[in-house]
Amino acid sequence: MNVYPYFDLSKNVDLAKKLVDLNVEKCIAITEANTNAMKSLVEQAETCMTTASGIKDYDGLKSFTQEQAKIMQSNMENWITGCQTTAEDTVTYGKEVQQILNPSPKAKKPAVKKAA
């Protein structure tokens, strides 16, 4: 006996599966993107340390500092782009969830007129 007649779980299993599938897909994509970003940052840090350890004089330090400023600028531009993409992805995700929760009614077929 269903104690909560207004909530019939059997009718919502397909809906829940769609939401779970969407969330799994999004989590995998986010994890892959974050993993790639971290790998890139680790490579940058390793290169930076190697370059810094080779500084021998003022000119080397000056060159290193200028290069780091360019890298910082590039990283900030990438961060801004990433934030914009994340905002767009969030809006898209919200629309996908709404579409799953409130599917649009199927297009009605036009009435077929009988020949007289």
N, C-alpha and C. Protein backbone atom coordinates (compact mmCIF):
# COMPACT_ATOMS: atom_id res chain seq x y z
N MET A 1 0.84 -1.19 0.00
CA MET A 1 0.00 0.00 0.00
C MET A 1 0.88 1.24 0.00
N ASN A 2 0.56 2.17 -0.87
CA ASN A 2 1.33 3.40 -0.97
C ASN A 2 0.82 4.41 0.05
N VAL A 3 1.66 4.73 1.01
CA VAL A 3 1.28 5.66 2.07
C VAL A 3 1.18 7.09 1.52
N TYR A 4 1.96 7.38 0.49
CA TYR A 4 1.98 8.70 -0.12
C TYR A 4 1.45 8.60 -1.55
N PRO A 5 0.15 8.63 -1.74
CA PRO A 5 -0.42 8.42 -3.07
C PRO A 5 -0.02 9.49 -4.07
N TYR A 6 0.34 10.67 -3.61
CA TYR A 6 0.72 11.75 -4.52
C TYR A 6 2.14 11.57 -5.06
N PHE A 7 2.87 10.62 -4.52
CA PHE A 7 4.24 10.38 -4.99
C PHE A 7 4.37 8.92 -5.37
N ASP A 8 4.20 8.65 -6.63
CA ASP A 8 4.28 7.28 -7.13
C ASP A 8 5.67 7.09 -7.73
N LEU A 9 6.55 6.44 -6.99
CA LEU A 9 7.94 6.27 -7.40
C LEU A 9 8.06 5.52 -8.72
N SER A 10 7.18 4.58 -8.96
CA SER A 10 7.28 3.79 -10.19
C SER A 10 7.14 4.66 -11.43
N LYS A 11 6.40 5.76 -11.35
CA LYS A 11 6.24 6.65 -12.48
C LYS A 11 7.47 7.56 -12.67
N ASN A 12 8.27 7.68 -11.65
CA ASN A 12 9.39 8.61 -11.71
C ASN A 12 10.74 7.95 -11.91
N VAL A 13 10.77 6.64 -12.05
CA VAL A 13 12.04 5.94 -12.22
C VAL A 13 12.75 6.38 -13.49
N ASP A 14 12.01 6.48 -14.60
CA ASP A 14 12.62 6.89 -15.86
C ASP A 14 13.15 8.32 -15.76
N LEU A 15 12.39 9.18 -15.12
CA LEU A 15 12.80 10.56 -14.92
C LEU A 15 14.08 10.63 -14.08
N ALA A 16 14.12 9.87 -13.01
CA ALA A 16 15.29 9.85 -12.14
C ALA A 16 16.51 9.31 -12.88
N LYS A 17 16.31 8.29 -13.71
CA LYS A 17 17.42 7.72 -14.49
C LYS A 17 17.99 8.76 -15.45
N LYS A 18 17.11 9.51 -16.09
CA LYS A 18 17.58 10.56 -17.01
C LYS A 18 18.40 11.61 -16.28
N LEU A 19 17.93 12.00 -15.11
CA LEU A 19 18.67 13.00 -14.31
C LEU A 19 20.02 12.45 -13.85
N VAL A 20 20.04 11.20 -13.41
CA VAL A 20 21.30 10.58 -12.98
C VAL A 20 22.26 10.49 -14.15
N ASP A 21 21.78 10.05 -15.31
CA ASP A 21 22.63 9.96 -16.50
C ASP A 21 23.21 11.32 -16.88
N LEU A 22 22.38 12.35 -16.84
CA LEU A 22 22.85 13.71 -17.15
C LEU A 22 23.92 14.15 -16.15
N ASN A 23 23.67 13.90 -14.87
CA ASN A 23 24.64 14.31 -13.84
C ASN A 23 25.95 13.55 -13.96
N VAL A 24 25.88 12.27 -14.26
CA VAL A 24 27.11 11.48 -14.43
C VAL A 24 27.90 12.02 -15.62
N GLU A 25 27.20 12.29 -16.72
CA GLU A 25 27.86 12.84 -17.92
C GLU A 25 28.56 14.16 -17.60
N LYS A 26 27.86 15.05 -16.89
CA LYS A 26 28.43 16.36 -16.54
C LYS A 26 29.61 16.21 -15.58
N CYS A 27 29.49 15.32 -14.60
CA CYS A 27 30.58 15.11 -13.64
C CYS A 27 31.83 14.57 -14.32
N ILE A 28 31.65 13.66 -15.26
CA ILE A 28 32.79 13.11 -16.00
C ILE A 28 33.47 14.21 -16.80
N ALA A 29 32.68 15.04 -17.48
CA ALA A 29 33.24 16.12 -18.29
C ALA A 29 34.00 17.13 -17.42
N ILE A 30 33.43 17.47 -16.28
CA ILE A 30 34.08 18.42 -15.37
C ILE A 30 35.37 17.83 -14.81
N THR A 31 35.33 16.57 -14.43
CA THR A 31 36.52 15.91 -13.89
C THR A 31 37.64 15.86 -14.92
N GLU A 32 37.30 15.53 -16.17
CA GLU A 32 38.31 15.49 -17.23
C GLU A 32 38.90 16.88 -17.47
N ALA A 33 38.05 17.89 -17.51
CA ALA A 33 38.54 19.27 -17.73
C ALA A 33 39.46 19.71 -16.58
N ASN A 34 39.06 19.42 -15.35
CA ASN A 34 39.89 19.79 -14.20
C ASN A 34 41.21 19.03 -14.18
N THR A 35 41.18 17.76 -14.55
CA THR A 35 42.41 16.96 -14.60
C THR A 35 43.37 17.53 -15.63
N ASN A 36 42.84 17.87 -16.80
CA ASN A 36 43.69 18.46 -17.84
C ASN A 36 44.26 19.81 -17.41
N ALA A 37 43.44 20.62 -16.74
CA ALA A 37 43.91 21.93 -16.26
C ALA A 37 45.02 21.75 -15.22
N MET A 38 44.85 20.80 -14.32
CA MET A 38 45.87 20.57 -13.30
C MET A 38 47.17 20.05 -13.91
N LYS A 39 47.07 19.17 -14.90
CA LYS A 39 48.27 18.67 -15.57
C LYS A 39 49.02 19.84 -16.21
N SER A 40 48.29 20.74 -16.83
CA SER A 40 48.90 21.90 -17.47
C SER A 40 49.60 22.79 -16.43
N LEU A 41 48.94 23.00 -15.30
CA LEU A 41 49.54 23.84 -14.25
C LEU A 41 50.78 23.18 -13.64
N VAL A 42 50.77 21.87 -13.49
CA VAL A 42 51.93 21.15 -12.97
C VAL A 42 53.10 21.29 -13.94
N GLU A 43 52.82 21.13 -15.24
CA GLU A 43 53.87 21.30 -16.25
C GLU A 43 54.43 22.72 -16.21
N GLN A 44 53.55 23.71 -16.07
CA GLN A 44 54.02 25.10 -15.97
C GLN A 44 54.91 25.30 -14.76
N ALA A 45 54.50 24.75 -13.63
CA ALA A 45 55.28 24.90 -12.40
C ALA A 45 56.65 24.23 -12.54
N GLU A 46 56.68 23.06 -13.14
CA GLU A 46 57.95 22.36 -13.34
C GLU A 46 58.88 23.15 -14.26
N THR A 47 58.32 23.69 -15.33
CA THR A 47 59.11 24.51 -16.25
C THR A 47 59.62 25.76 -15.55
N CYS A 48 58.75 26.38 -14.77
CA CYS A 48 59.13 27.58 -14.02
C CYS A 48 60.28 27.30 -13.06
N MET A 49 60.19 26.21 -12.34
CA MET A 49 61.25 25.87 -11.38
C MET A 49 62.57 25.57 -12.09
N THR A 50 62.48 24.86 -13.20
CA THR A 50 63.69 24.55 -13.96
C THR A 50 64.34 25.82 -14.47
N THR A 51 63.51 26.71 -15.01
CA THR A 51 64.03 27.98 -15.54
C THR A 51 64.59 28.83 -14.41
N ALA A 52 63.89 28.91 -13.29
CA ALA A 52 64.34 29.73 -12.16
C ALA A 52 65.67 29.22 -11.61
N SER A 53 65.84 27.92 -11.61
CA SER A 53 67.09 27.38 -11.07
C SER A 53 68.28 27.68 -11.98
N GLY A 54 68.00 28.08 -13.21
CA GLY A 54 69.08 28.40 -14.14
C GLY A 54 69.44 29.89 -14.18
N ILE A 55 68.78 30.70 -13.37
CA ILE A 55 69.08 32.13 -13.36
C ILE A 55 70.46 32.37 -12.75
N LYS A 56 71.30 33.08 -13.51
CA LYS A 56 72.68 33.31 -13.05
C LYS A 56 73.00 34.78 -12.80
N ASP A 57 72.20 35.68 -13.41
CA ASP A 57 72.53 37.11 -13.29
C ASP A 57 71.26 37.95 -13.39
N TYR A 58 71.47 39.26 -13.34
CA TYR A 58 70.34 40.20 -13.38
C TYR A 58 69.53 40.05 -14.67
N ASP A 59 70.23 39.95 -15.80
CA ASP A 59 69.53 39.84 -17.08
C ASP A 59 68.68 38.56 -17.13
N GLY A 60 69.18 37.50 -16.58
CA GLY A 60 68.42 36.25 -16.51
C GLY A 60 67.18 36.41 -15.65
N LEU A 61 67.33 37.10 -14.52
CA LEU A 61 66.21 37.35 -13.63
C LEU A 61 65.16 38.23 -14.31
N LYS A 62 65.65 39.27 -14.99
CA LYS A 62 64.76 40.18 -15.70
C LYS A 62 63.97 39.43 -16.77
N SER A 63 64.65 38.62 -17.53
CA SER A 63 64.01 37.83 -18.59
C SER A 63 62.99 36.86 -18.00
N PHE A 64 63.37 36.20 -16.92
CA PHE A 64 62.48 35.25 -16.25
C PHE A 64 61.22 35.95 -15.76
N THR A 65 61.39 37.11 -15.14
CA THR A 65 60.26 37.87 -14.60
C THR A 65 59.32 38.31 -15.71
N GLN A 66 59.87 38.76 -16.81
CA GLN A 66 59.04 39.18 -17.94
C GLN A 66 58.25 37.99 -18.51
N GLU A 67 58.91 36.86 -18.61
CA GLU A 67 58.24 35.66 -19.11
C GLU A 67 57.13 35.22 -18.16
N GLN A 68 57.37 35.32 -16.86
CA GLN A 68 56.35 34.94 -15.88
C GLN A 68 55.15 35.88 -15.96
N ALA A 69 55.38 37.16 -16.24
CA ALA A 69 54.27 38.11 -16.40
C ALA A 69 53.41 37.73 -17.60
N LYS A 70 54.05 37.30 -18.69
CA LYS A 70 53.29 36.87 -19.87
C LYS A 70 52.48 35.61 -19.56
N ILE A 71 53.09 34.70 -18.84
CA ILE A 71 52.38 33.46 -18.47
C ILE A 71 51.20 33.80 -17.56
N MET A 72 51.40 34.71 -16.62
CA MET A 72 50.32 35.12 -15.71
C MET A 72 49.18 35.74 -16.50
N GLN A 73 49.50 36.58 -17.48
CA GLN A 73 48.47 37.21 -18.31
C GLN A 73 47.68 36.14 -19.07
N SER A 74 48.39 35.19 -19.64
CA SER A 74 47.75 34.10 -20.38
C SER A 74 46.86 33.26 -19.45
N ASN A 75 47.36 32.97 -18.27
CA ASN A 75 46.57 32.20 -17.31
C ASN A 75 45.30 32.94 -16.90
N MET A 76 45.38 34.26 -16.71
CA MET A 76 44.20 35.05 -16.35
C MET A 76 43.19 35.05 -17.49
N GLU A 77 43.67 35.17 -18.73
CA GLU A 77 42.76 35.14 -19.88
C GLU A 77 42.08 33.77 -19.98
N ASN A 78 42.84 32.72 -19.75
CA ASN A 78 42.27 31.37 -19.76
C ASN A 78 41.26 31.18 -18.63
N TRP A 79 41.55 31.76 -17.47
CA TRP A 79 40.64 31.67 -16.34
C TRP A 79 39.33 32.37 -16.64
N ILE A 80 39.41 33.57 -17.23
CA ILE A 80 38.21 34.32 -17.59
C ILE A 80 37.38 33.55 -18.61
N THR A 81 38.04 33.00 -19.61
CA THR A 81 37.35 32.20 -20.62
C THR A 81 36.69 30.98 -19.96
N GLY A 82 37.41 30.35 -19.05
CA GLY A 82 36.87 29.19 -18.34
C GLY A 82 35.64 29.56 -17.52
N CYS A 83 35.67 30.71 -16.88
CA CYS A 83 34.51 31.16 -16.09
C CYS A 83 33.31 31.42 -16.99
N GLN A 84 33.56 32.02 -18.14
CA GLN A 84 32.46 32.27 -19.09
C GLN A 84 31.87 30.95 -19.58
N THR A 85 32.74 30.01 -19.89
CA THR A 85 32.28 28.70 -20.35
C THR A 85 31.49 27.99 -19.26
N THR A 86 31.96 28.08 -18.02
CA THR A 86 31.26 27.46 -16.91
C THR A 86 29.87 28.07 -16.73
N ALA A 87 29.78 29.39 -16.86
CA ALA A 87 28.48 30.05 -16.74
C ALA A 87 27.53 29.58 -17.85
N GLU A 88 28.04 29.50 -19.07
CA GLU A 88 27.22 29.02 -20.19
C GLU A 88 26.81 27.57 -19.98
N ASP A 89 27.74 26.76 -19.52
CA ASP A 89 27.44 25.34 -19.27
C ASP A 89 26.39 25.19 -18.17
N THR A 90 26.44 26.05 -17.17
CA THR A 90 25.47 26.00 -16.08
C THR A 90 24.07 26.33 -16.59
N VAL A 91 23.97 27.34 -17.45
CA VAL A 91 22.68 27.69 -18.03
C VAL A 91 22.16 26.53 -18.88
N THR A 92 23.03 25.95 -19.69
CA THR A 92 22.65 24.81 -20.53
C THR A 92 22.19 23.64 -19.67
N TYR A 93 22.92 23.36 -18.60
CA TYR A 93 22.55 22.28 -17.69
C TYR A 93 21.16 22.53 -17.10
N GLY A 94 20.92 23.75 -16.67
CA GLY A 94 19.62 24.09 -16.11
C GLY A 94 18.49 23.86 -17.11
N LYS A 95 18.75 24.22 -18.36
CA LYS A 95 17.75 23.99 -19.41
C LYS A 95 17.53 22.50 -19.65
N GLU A 96 18.62 21.73 -19.62
CA GLU A 96 18.51 20.28 -19.81
C GLU A 96 17.70 19.65 -18.68
N VAL A 97 17.94 20.09 -17.45
CA VAL A 97 17.19 19.56 -16.31
C VAL A 97 15.71 19.93 -16.45
N GLN A 98 15.45 21.18 -16.81
CA GLN A 98 14.06 21.61 -16.99
C GLN A 98 13.37 20.82 -18.09
N GLN A 99 14.10 20.52 -19.15
CA GLN A 99 13.53 19.74 -20.24
C GLN A 99 13.19 18.32 -19.78
N ILE A 100 14.04 17.77 -18.93
CA ILE A 100 13.76 16.43 -18.40
C ILE A 100 12.56 16.48 -17.45
N LEU A 101 12.52 17.49 -16.58
CA LEU A 101 11.45 17.58 -15.59
C LEU A 101 10.12 18.01 -16.20
N ASN A 102 10.19 18.88 -17.19
CA ASN A 102 8.98 19.41 -17.83
C ASN A 102 9.10 19.28 -19.34
N PRO A 103 9.01 18.08 -19.87
CA PRO A 103 9.15 17.92 -21.31
C PRO A 103 8.05 18.67 -22.05
N SER A 104 8.43 19.26 -23.17
CA SER A 104 7.43 19.99 -23.95
C SER A 104 6.45 19.00 -24.55
N PRO A 105 5.21 19.40 -24.68
CA PRO A 105 4.24 18.48 -25.26
C PRO A 105 4.64 18.12 -26.69
N LYS A 106 4.36 16.89 -27.04
CA LYS A 106 4.73 16.45 -28.38
C LYS A 106 3.89 17.20 -29.40
N ALA A 107 4.53 17.49 -30.51
CA ALA A 107 3.82 18.21 -31.57
C ALA A 107 2.62 17.39 -32.03
N LYS A 108 1.51 18.07 -32.14
CA LYS A 108 0.30 17.38 -32.58
C LYS A 108 0.34 17.22 -34.09
N LYS A 109 -0.11 16.08 -34.53
CA LYS A 109 -0.17 15.82 -35.96
C LYS A 109 -1.35 16.60 -36.54
N PRO A 110 -1.14 17.17 -37.72
CA PRO A 110 -2.25 17.91 -38.32
C PRO A 110 -3.39 16.93 -38.67
N ALA A 111 -4.59 17.42 -38.54
CA ALA A 111 -5.76 16.58 -38.83
C ALA A 111 -5.79 16.26 -40.32
N VAL A 112 -6.07 15.02 -40.62
CA VAL A 112 -6.15 14.57 -42.01
C VAL A 112 -7.57 14.80 -42.49
N LYS A 113 -7.69 15.54 -43.58
CA LYS A 113 -9.02 15.83 -44.12
C LYS A 113 -9.42 14.72 -45.07
N LYS A 114 -10.62 14.28 -44.93
CA LYS A 114 -11.13 13.24 -45.80
C LYS A 114 -11.58 13.87 -47.12
N ALA A 115 -11.29 13.16 -48.17
CA ALA A 115 -11.72 13.63 -49.48
C ALA A 115 -13.22 13.46 -49.61
N ALA A 116 -13.89 14.44 -50.20
CA ALA A 116 -15.35 14.37 -50.33
C ALA A 116 -15.78 13.56 -51.53
